[in-house]
PDB file of N, CA and C in Angstrom:
ATOM      1  N   UNK A   1     161.302 137.682 120.416  1.00  0.00           N
ATOM      2  CA  UNK A   1     160.015 137.275 119.891  1.00  0.00           C
ATOM      3  C   UNK A   1     159.678 138.129 118.673  1.00  0.00           C
ATOM      4  N   UNK A   2     159.257 137.515 117.608  1.00  0.00           N
ATOM      5  CA  UNK A   2     158.923 138.211 116.379  1.00  0.00           C
ATOM      6  C   UNK A   2     157.470 138.652 116.410  1.00  0.00           C
ATOM      7  N   UNK A   3     157.232 139.927 116.077  1.00  0.00           N
ATOM      8  CA  UNK A   3     155.843 140.366 115.994  1.00  0.00           C
ATOM      9  C   UNK A   3     155.328 140.059 114.599  1.00  0.00           C
ATOM     10  N   UNK A   4     154.096 139.578 114.525  1.00  0.00           N
ATOM     11  CA  UNK A   4     153.504 139.203 113.249  1.00  0.00           C
ATOM     12  C   UNK A   4     152.645 140.336 112.726  1.00  0.00           C
ATOM     13  N   UNK A   5     152.571 140.460 111.408  1.00  0.00           N
ATOM     14  CA  UNK A   5     151.671 141.445 110.813  1.00  0.00           C
ATOM     15  C   UNK A   5     150.254 141.031 111.168  1.00  0.00           C
ATOM     16  N   UNK A   6     149.494 141.971 111.653  1.00  0.00           N
ATOM     17  CA  UNK A   6     148.144 141.665 112.097  1.00  0.00           C
ATOM     18  C   UNK A   6     147.157 142.317 111.141  1.00  0.00           C
ATOM     19  N   UNK A   7     146.262 141.522 110.624  1.00  0.00           N
ATOM     20  CA  UNK A   7     145.215 142.024 109.742  1.00  0.00           C
ATOM     21  C   UNK A   7     143.923 142.143 110.535  1.00  0.00           C
ATOM     22  N   UNK A   8     143.242 143.278 110.398  1.00  0.00           N
ATOM     23  CA  UNK A   8     141.982 143.454 111.101  1.00  0.00           C
ATOM     24  C   UNK A   8     140.881 142.735 110.337  1.00  0.00           C
ATOM     25  N   UNK A   9     140.105 141.978 111.053  1.00  0.00           N
ATOM     26  CA  UNK A   9     138.975 141.270 110.464  1.00  0.00           C
ATOM     27  C   UNK A   9     137.770 141.602 111.331  1.00  0.00           C
ATOM     28  N   UNK A  10     136.959 142.556 110.863  1.00  0.00           N
ATOM     29  CA  UNK A  10     135.853 143.018 111.682  1.00  0.00           C
ATOM     30  C   UNK A  10     136.407 143.625 112.958  1.00  0.00           C
ATOM     31  N   UNK A  11     135.942 143.161 114.105  1.00  0.00           N
ATOM     32  CA  UNK A  11     136.456 143.635 115.379  1.00  0.00           C
ATOM     33  C   UNK A  11     137.577 142.747 115.888  1.00  0.00           C
ATOM     34  N   UNK A  12     137.820 141.658 115.190  1.00  0.00           N
ATOM     35  CA  UNK A  12     138.868 140.725 115.598  1.00  0.00           C
ATOM     36  C   UNK A  12     140.141 141.012 114.815  1.00  0.00           C
ATOM     37  N   UNK A  13     141.236 140.507 115.311  1.00  0.00           N
ATOM     38  CA  UNK A  13     142.490 140.576 114.580  1.00  0.00           C
ATOM     39  C   UNK A  13     142.998 139.157 114.420  1.00  0.00           C
ATOM     40  N   UNK A  14     143.692 138.908 113.318  1.00  0.00           N
ATOM     41  CA  UNK A  14     144.251 137.581 113.152  1.00  0.00           C
ATOM     42  C   UNK A  14     145.648 137.692 112.575  1.00  0.00           C
ATOM     43  N   UNK A  15     146.482 136.747 112.939  1.00  0.00           N
ATOM     44  CA  UNK A  15     147.825 136.677 112.388  1.00  0.00           C
ATOM     45  C   UNK A  15     147.712 135.919 111.075  1.00  0.00           C
ATOM     46  N   UNK A  16     148.250 136.494 110.022  1.00  0.00           N
ATOM     47  CA  UNK A  16     148.081 135.903 108.705  1.00  0.00           C
ATOM     48  C   UNK A  16     149.229 134.956 108.376  1.00  0.00           C
ATOM     49  N   UNK A  17     148.924 133.672 108.341  1.00  0.00           N
ATOM     50  CA  UNK A  17     149.896 132.684 107.892  1.00  0.00           C
ATOM     51  C   UNK A  17     149.698 132.492 106.404  1.00  0.00           C
ATOM     52  N   UNK A  18     150.769 132.627 105.648  1.00  0.00           N
ATOM     53  CA  UNK A  18     150.693 132.416 104.203  1.00  0.00           C
ATOM     54  C   UNK A  18     151.000 130.958 103.892  1.00  0.00           C
ATOM     55  N   UNK A  19     152.045 130.425 104.495  1.00  0.00           N
ATOM     56  CA  UNK A  19     152.424 129.024 104.287  1.00  0.00           C
ATOM     57  C   UNK A  19     152.012 128.232 105.524  1.00  0.00           C
ATOM     58  N   UNK A  20     150.952 127.465 105.372  1.00  0.00           N
ATOM     59  CA  UNK A  20     150.447 126.685 106.502  1.00  0.00           C
ATOM     60  C   UNK A  20     151.351 125.507 106.848  1.00  0.00           C
ATOM     61  N   UNK A  21     151.919 124.863 105.844  1.00  0.00           N
ATOM     62  CA  UNK A  21     152.764 123.686 106.090  1.00  0.00           C
ATOM     63  C   UNK A  21     153.957 124.015 106.975  1.00  0.00           C
ATOM     64  N   UNK A  22     154.609 125.137 106.682  1.00  0.00           N
ATOM     65  CA  UNK A  22     155.808 125.520 107.429  1.00  0.00           C
ATOM     66  C   UNK A  22     155.562 126.658 108.402  1.00  0.00           C
ATOM     67  N   UNK A  23     154.279 127.018 108.601  1.00  0.00           N
ATOM     68  CA  UNK A  23     153.893 128.045 109.561  1.00  0.00           C
ATOM     69  C   UNK A  23     154.639 129.363 109.335  1.00  0.00           C
ATOM     70  N   UNK A  24     154.688 129.823 108.086  1.00  0.00           N
ATOM     71  CA  UNK A  24     155.401 131.055 107.748  1.00  0.00           C
ATOM     72  C   UNK A  24     154.398 132.207 107.654  1.00  0.00           C
ATOM     73  N   UNK A  25     154.549 133.213 108.517  1.00  0.00           N
ATOM     74  CA  UNK A  25     153.630 134.345 108.482  1.00  0.00           C
ATOM     75  C   UNK A  25     153.947 135.306 107.341  1.00  0.00           C
ATOM     76  N   UNK A  26     152.947 136.047 106.962  1.00  0.00           N
ATOM     77  CA  UNK A  26     153.104 137.043 105.900  1.00  0.00           C
ATOM     78  C   UNK A  26     154.242 138.015 106.211  1.00  0.00           C
ATOM     79  N   UNK A  27     154.353 138.427 107.460  1.00  0.00           N
ATOM     80  CA  UNK A  27     155.390 139.382 107.838  1.00  0.00           C
ATOM     81  C   UNK A  27     156.788 138.864 107.488  1.00  0.00           C
ATOM     82  N   UNK A  28     157.039 137.588 107.713  1.00  0.00           N
ATOM     83  CA  UNK A  28     158.358 137.021 107.413  1.00  0.00           C
ATOM     84  C   UNK A  28     158.642 137.056 105.915  1.00  0.00           C
ATOM     85  N   UNK A  29     157.619 136.808 105.122  1.00  0.00           N
ATOM     86  CA  UNK A  29     157.783 136.831 103.666  1.00  0.00           C
ATOM     87  C   UNK A  29     158.020 138.264 103.197  1.00  0.00           C
ATOM     88  N   UNK A  30     157.232 139.203 103.713  1.00  0.00           N
ATOM     89  CA  UNK A  30     157.418 140.604 103.340  1.00  0.00           C
ATOM     90  C   UNK A  30     158.811 141.088 103.748  1.00  0.00           C
ATOM     91  N   UNK A  31     159.252 140.711 104.929  1.00  0.00           N
ATOM     92  CA  UNK A  31     160.582 141.109 105.397  1.00  0.00           C
ATOM     93  C   UNK A  31     161.674 140.552 104.484  1.00  0.00           C
ATOM     94  N   UNK A  32     161.529 139.297 104.074  1.00  0.00           N
ATOM     95  CA  UNK A  32     162.512 138.689 103.173  1.00  0.00           C
ATOM     96  C   UNK A  32     162.564 139.446 101.843  1.00  0.00           C
ATOM     97  N   UNK A  33     161.408 139.825 101.322  1.00  0.00           N
ATOM     98  CA  UNK A  33     161.355 140.568 100.061  1.00  0.00           C
ATOM     99  C   UNK A  33     162.015 141.935 100.224  1.00  0.00           C
ATOM    100  N   UNK A  34     161.678 142.636 101.283  1.00  0.00           N
ATOM    101  CA  UNK A  34     162.283 143.944 101.544  1.00  0.00           C
ATOM    102  C   UNK A  34     163.796 143.826 101.680  1.00  0.00           C
ATOM    103  N   UNK A  35     164.255 142.722 102.263  1.00  0.00           N
ATOM    104  CA  UNK A  35     165.693 142.513 102.487  1.00  0.00           C
ATOM    105  C   UNK A  35     166.415 141.915 101.284  1.00  0.00           C
ATOM    106  N   UNK A  36     165.750 141.847 100.127  1.00  0.00           N
ATOM    107  CA  UNK A  36     166.453 141.450  98.917  1.00  0.00           C
ATOM    108  C   UNK A  36     166.043 140.146  98.262  1.00  0.00           C
ATOM    109  N   UNK A  37     165.078 139.440  98.809  1.00  0.00           N
ATOM    110  CA  UNK A  37     164.601 138.205  98.166  1.00  0.00           C
ATOM    111  C   UNK A  37     163.732 138.638  96.984  1.00  0.00           C
ATOM    112  N   UNK A  38     164.367 138.785  95.813  1.00  0.00           N
ATOM    113  CA  UNK A  38     163.676 139.344  94.658  1.00  0.00           C
ATOM    114  C   UNK A  38     163.282 138.298  93.616  1.00  0.00           C
ATOM    115  N   UNK A  39     163.330 137.036  94.004  1.00  0.00           N
ATOM    116  CA  UNK A  39     162.841 135.946  93.160  1.00  0.00           C
ATOM    117  C   UNK A  39     162.113 134.948  94.064  1.00  0.00           C
ATOM    118  N   UNK A  40     161.215 134.160  93.493  1.00  0.00           N
ATOM    119  CA  UNK A  40     160.549 133.147  94.316  1.00  0.00           C
ATOM    120  C   UNK A  40     161.539 132.196  94.997  1.00  0.00           C
ATOM    121  N   UNK A  41     162.586 131.793  94.304  1.00  0.00           N
ATOM    122  CA  UNK A  41     163.571 130.872  94.886  1.00  0.00           C
ATOM    123  C   UNK A  41     164.223 131.486  96.123  1.00  0.00           C
ATOM    124  N   UNK A  42     164.532 132.783  96.055  1.00  0.00           N
ATOM    125  CA  UNK A  42     165.144 133.459  97.208  1.00  0.00           C
ATOM    126  C   UNK A  42     164.168 133.544  98.377  1.00  0.00           C
ATOM    127  N   UNK A  43     162.874 133.702  98.072  1.00  0.00           N
ATOM    128  CA  UNK A  43     161.871 133.686  99.140  1.00  0.00           C
ATOM    129  C   UNK A  43     161.816 132.302  99.767  1.00  0.00           C
ATOM    130  N   UNK A  44     161.815 131.257  98.943  1.00  0.00           N
ATOM    131  CA  UNK A  44     161.799 129.884  99.459  1.00  0.00           C
ATOM    132  C   UNK A  44     162.989 129.669 100.397  1.00  0.00           C
ATOM    133  N   UNK A  45     164.181 130.081  99.938  1.00  0.00           N
ATOM    134  CA  UNK A  45     165.402 129.883 100.721  1.00  0.00           C
ATOM    135  C   UNK A  45     165.391 130.674 102.031  1.00  0.00           C
ATOM    136  N   UNK A  46     164.880 131.898 101.990  1.00  0.00           N
ATOM    137  CA  UNK A  46     164.910 132.764 103.166  1.00  0.00           C
ATOM    138  C   UNK A  46     163.858 132.403 104.208  1.00  0.00           C
ATOM    139  N   UNK A  47     162.721 131.836 103.772  1.00  0.00           N
ATOM    140  CA  UNK A  47     161.605 131.661 104.698  1.00  0.00           C
ATOM    141  C   UNK A  47     161.090 130.233 104.835  1.00  0.00           C
ATOM    142  N   UNK A  48     161.410 129.366 103.902  1.00  0.00           N
ATOM    143  CA  UNK A  48     160.860 128.014 103.810  1.00  0.00           C
ATOM    144  C   UNK A  48     159.392 128.006 103.372  1.00  0.00           C
ATOM    145  N   UNK A  49     158.854 129.172 103.009  1.00  0.00           N
ATOM    146  CA  UNK A  49     157.486 129.231 102.483  1.00  0.00           C
ATOM    147  C   UNK A  49     157.478 128.680 101.061  1.00  0.00           C
ATOM    148  N   UNK A  50     156.436 127.954 100.727  1.00  0.00           N
ATOM    149  CA  UNK A  50     156.274 127.459  99.366  1.00  0.00           C
ATOM    150  C   UNK A  50     156.932 126.127  99.092  1.00  0.00           C
ATOM    151  N   UNK A  51     157.551 125.539 100.100  1.00  0.00           N
ATOM    152  CA  UNK A  51     158.240 124.259  99.892  1.00  0.00           C
ATOM    153  C   UNK A  51     157.783 123.213 100.913  1.00  0.00           C
ATOM    154  N   UNK A  52     156.530 123.311 101.318  1.00  0.00           N
ATOM    155  CA  UNK A  52     156.005 122.388 102.317  1.00  0.00           C
ATOM    156  C   UNK A  52     155.492 121.096 101.727  1.00  0.00           C
ATOM    157  N   UNK A  53     154.934 120.297 102.590  1.00  0.00           N
ATOM    158  CA  UNK A  53     154.437 118.973 102.215  1.00  0.00           C
ATOM    159  C   UNK A  53     153.300 119.025 101.193  1.00  0.00           C
ATOM    160  N   UNK A  54     152.594 120.150 101.120  1.00  0.00           N
ATOM    161  CA  UNK A  54     151.467 120.257 100.188  1.00  0.00           C
ATOM    162  C   UNK A  54     151.927 120.442  98.745  1.00  0.00           C
ATOM    163  N   UNK A  55     153.203 120.728  98.557  1.00  0.00           N
ATOM    164  CA  UNK A  55     153.717 120.928  97.207  1.00  0.00           C
ATOM    165  C   UNK A  55     153.718 122.374  96.755  1.00  0.00           C
ATOM    166  N   UNK A  56     153.458 123.298  97.672  1.00  0.00           N
ATOM    167  CA  UNK A  56     153.560 124.714  97.332  1.00  0.00           C
ATOM    168  C   UNK A  56     152.261 125.394  96.973  1.00  0.00           C
ATOM    169  N   UNK A  57     151.175 125.026  97.620  1.00  0.00           N
ATOM    170  CA  UNK A  57     149.893 125.651  97.287  1.00  0.00           C
ATOM    171  C   UNK A  57     149.856 127.141  97.619  1.00  0.00           C
ATOM    172  N   UNK A  58     150.760 127.614  98.469  1.00  0.00           N
ATOM    173  CA  UNK A  58     150.795 129.031  98.830  1.00  0.00           C
ATOM    174  C   UNK A  58     151.632 129.864  97.866  1.00  0.00           C
ATOM    175  N   UNK A  59     152.266 129.236  96.907  1.00  0.00           N
ATOM    176  CA  UNK A  59     153.170 129.975  96.015  1.00  0.00           C
ATOM    177  C   UNK A  59     152.484 131.114  95.278  1.00  0.00           C
ATOM    178  N   UNK A  60     151.223 130.951  94.909  1.00  0.00           N
ATOM    179  CA  UNK A  60     150.523 132.028  94.215  1.00  0.00           C
ATOM    180  C   UNK A  60     150.488 133.283  95.093  1.00  0.00           C
ATOM    181  N   UNK A  61     150.394 133.107  96.406  1.00  0.00           N
ATOM    182  CA  UNK A  61     150.418 134.253  97.320  1.00  0.00           C
ATOM    183  C   UNK A  61     151.823 134.853  97.406  1.00  0.00           C
ATOM    184  N   UNK A  62     152.826 134.009  97.378  1.00  0.00           N
ATOM    185  CA  UNK A  62     154.208 134.506  97.386  1.00  0.00           C
ATOM    186  C   UNK A  62     154.462 135.344  96.140  1.00  0.00           C
ATOM    187  N   UNK A  63     154.022 134.837  94.988  1.00  0.00           N
ATOM    188  CA  UNK A  63     154.199 135.564  93.737  1.00  0.00           C
ATOM    189  C   UNK A  63     153.475 136.919  93.788  1.00  0.00           C
ATOM    190  N   UNK A  64     152.292 136.923  94.371  1.00  0.00           N
ATOM    191  CA  UNK A  64     151.515 138.156  94.455  1.00  0.00           C
ATOM    192  C   UNK A  64     152.241 139.189  95.317  1.00  0.00           C
ATOM    193  N   UNK A  65     152.772 138.763  96.458  1.00  0.00           N
ATOM    194  CA  UNK A  65     153.529 139.679  97.319  1.00  0.00           C
ATOM    195  C   UNK A  65     154.765 140.203  96.594  1.00  0.00           C
ATOM    196  N   UNK A  66     155.491 139.304  95.951  1.00  0.00           N
ATOM    197  CA  UNK A  66     156.714 139.685  95.261  1.00  0.00           C
ATOM    198  C   UNK A  66     156.428 140.625  94.088  1.00  0.00           C
ATOM    199  N   UNK A  67     155.505 140.264  93.227  1.00  0.00           N
ATOM    200  CA  UNK A  67     155.196 141.090  92.064  1.00  0.00           C
ATOM    201  C   UNK A  67     154.739 142.486  92.473  1.00  0.00           C
ATOM    202  N   UNK A  68     153.890 142.551  93.485  1.00  0.00           N
ATOM    203  CA  UNK A  68     153.392 143.839  93.947  1.00  0.00           C
ATOM    204  C   UNK A  68     154.534 144.710  94.459  1.00  0.00           C
ATOM    205  N   UNK A  69     155.420 144.115  95.247  1.00  0.00           N
ATOM    206  CA  UNK A  69     156.527 144.884  95.805  1.00  0.00           C
ATOM    207  C   UNK A  69     157.504 145.331  94.717  1.00  0.00           C
ATOM    208  N   UNK A  70     157.799 144.456  93.779  1.00  0.00           N
ATOM    209  CA  UNK A  70     158.731 144.821  92.708  1.00  0.00           C
ATOM    210  C   UNK A  70     158.165 145.929  91.817  1.00  0.00           C
ATOM    211  N   UNK A  71     156.849 145.959  91.651  1.00  0.00           N
ATOM    212  CA  UNK A  71     156.218 146.976  90.808  1.00  0.00           C
ATOM    213  C   UNK A  71     156.007 148.299  91.527  1.00  0.00           C
ATOM    214  N   UNK A  72     155.635 148.257  92.799  1.00  0.00           N
ATOM    215  CA  UNK A  72     155.204 149.494  93.471  1.00  0.00           C
ATOM    216  C   UNK A  72     155.878 149.764  94.817  1.00  0.00           C
ATOM    217  N   UNK A  73     156.720 148.853  95.269  1.00  0.00           N
ATOM    218  CA  UNK A  73     157.343 148.952  96.602  1.00  0.00           C
ATOM    219  C   UNK A  73     156.294 148.938  97.712  1.00  0.00           C
ATOM    220  N   UNK A  74     155.134 148.330  97.405  1.00  0.00           N
ATOM    221  CA  UNK A  74     154.054 148.167  98.377  1.00  0.00           C
ATOM    222  C   UNK A  74     153.549 146.737  98.299  1.00  0.00           C
ATOM    223  N   UNK A  75     152.951 146.284  99.386  1.00  0.00           N
ATOM    224  CA  UNK A  75     152.339 144.966  99.409  1.00  0.00           C
ATOM    225  C   UNK A  75     150.825 145.118  99.331  1.00  0.00           C
ATOM    226  N   UNK A  76     150.147 144.170  98.708  1.00  0.00           N
ATOM    227  CA  UNK A  76     148.683 144.256  98.613  1.00  0.00           C
ATOM    228  C   UNK A  76     148.031 144.071  99.978  1.00  0.00           C
ATOM    229  N   UNK A  77     146.877 144.687 100.152  1.00  0.00           N
ATOM    230  CA  UNK A  77     146.134 144.523 101.406  1.00  0.00           C
ATOM    231  C   UNK A  77     145.602 143.104 101.543  1.00  0.00           C
ATOM    232  N   UNK A  78     145.135 142.555 100.438  1.00  0.00           N
ATOM    233  CA  UNK A  78     144.557 141.205 100.448  1.00  0.00           C
ATOM    234  C   UNK A  78     145.266 140.332  99.429  1.00  0.00           C
ATOM    235  N   UNK A  79     145.357 139.066  99.761  1.00  0.00           N
ATOM    236  CA  UNK A  79     145.943 138.086  98.846  1.00  0.00           C
ATOM    237  C   UNK A  79     144.824 137.212  98.305  1.00  0.00           C
ATOM    238  N   UNK A  80     144.954 136.815  97.052  1.00  0.00           N
ATOM    239  CA  UNK A  80     143.929 135.994  96.419  1.00  0.00           C
ATOM    240  C   UNK A  80     144.566 134.774  95.771  1.00  0.00           C
ATOM    241  N   UNK A  81     143.822 133.704  95.673  1.00  0.00           N
ATOM    242  CA  UNK A  81     144.309 132.493  95.010  1.00  0.00           C
ATOM    243  C   UNK A  81     144.080 132.574  93.502  1.00  0.00           C
ATOM    244  N   UNK A  82     143.426 133.634  93.013  1.00  0.00           N
ATOM    245  CA  UNK A  82     143.154 133.803  91.583  1.00  0.00           C
ATOM    246  C   UNK A  82     144.226 134.610  90.869  1.00  0.00           C
ATOM    247  N   UNK A  83     145.296 134.963  91.555  1.00  0.00           N
ATOM    248  CA  UNK A  83     146.345 135.805  90.998  1.00  0.00           C
ATOM    249  C   UNK A  83     147.130 135.073  89.916  1.00  0.00           C
ATOM    250  N   UNK A  84     147.451 135.768  88.839  1.00  0.00           N
ATOM    251  CA  UNK A  84     148.270 135.220  87.747  1.00  0.00           C
ATOM    252  C   UNK A  84     149.708 135.694  87.942  1.00  0.00           C
ATOM    253  N   UNK A  85     150.621 134.818  88.359  1.00  0.00           N
ATOM    254  CA  UNK A  85     151.995 135.204  88.669  1.00  0.00           C
ATOM    255  C   UNK A  85     152.758 135.753  87.466  1.00  0.00           C
ATOM    256  N   UNK A  86     153.587 136.774  87.750  1.00  0.00           N
ATOM    257  CA  UNK A  86     154.462 137.341  86.743  1.00  0.00           C
ATOM    258  C   UNK A  86     155.890 136.883  86.982  1.00  0.00           C
ATOM    259  N   UNK A  87     156.187 136.454  88.205  1.00  0.00           N
ATOM    260  CA  UNK A  87     157.570 136.164  88.594  1.00  0.00           C
ATOM    261  C   UNK A  87     157.828 134.688  88.866  1.00  0.00           C
ATOM    262  N   UNK A  88     157.331 133.814  88.010  1.00  0.00           N
ATOM    263  CA  UNK A  88     157.587 132.383  88.186  1.00  0.00           C
ATOM    264  C   UNK A  88     159.092 132.119  88.099  1.00  0.00           C
ATOM    265  N   UNK A  89     159.579 131.156  88.868  1.00  0.00           N
ATOM    266  CA  UNK A  89     161.012 130.865  88.821  1.00  0.00           C
ATOM    267  C   UNK A  89     161.448 130.346  87.450  1.00  0.00           C
ATOM    268  N   UNK A  90     162.646 130.739  87.067  1.00  0.00           N
ATOM    269  CA  UNK A  90     163.212 130.261  85.806  1.00  0.00           C
ATOM    270  C   UNK A  90     163.759 128.874  86.008  1.00  0.00           C
ATOM    271  N   UNK A  91     163.644 128.033  84.979  1.00  0.00           N
ATOM    272  CA  UNK A  91     164.144 126.659  85.082  1.00  0.00           C
ATOM    273  C   UNK A  91     165.577 126.583  84.612  1.00  0.00           C
TER     274      UNK A  91
END
């Protein structure tokens, strides 16, 4: 059984799903990045996040996790939909 990263919300805790379509938790994405998924395409391949039926609405969060880790070897505490990606996939 995989343990999920738990974010504290007030007195409650919640499991953070980044990709709702494919039910991919933040922990799985962070683990993929730590294990060498250093491009958005590699994250997609390793986790199936960002390639769901919605067309990838969670990709901005994937980019935020990836960019933060590549710059500082740390992940942000909070993810935002207003993030401007630095690591868009090359065509």
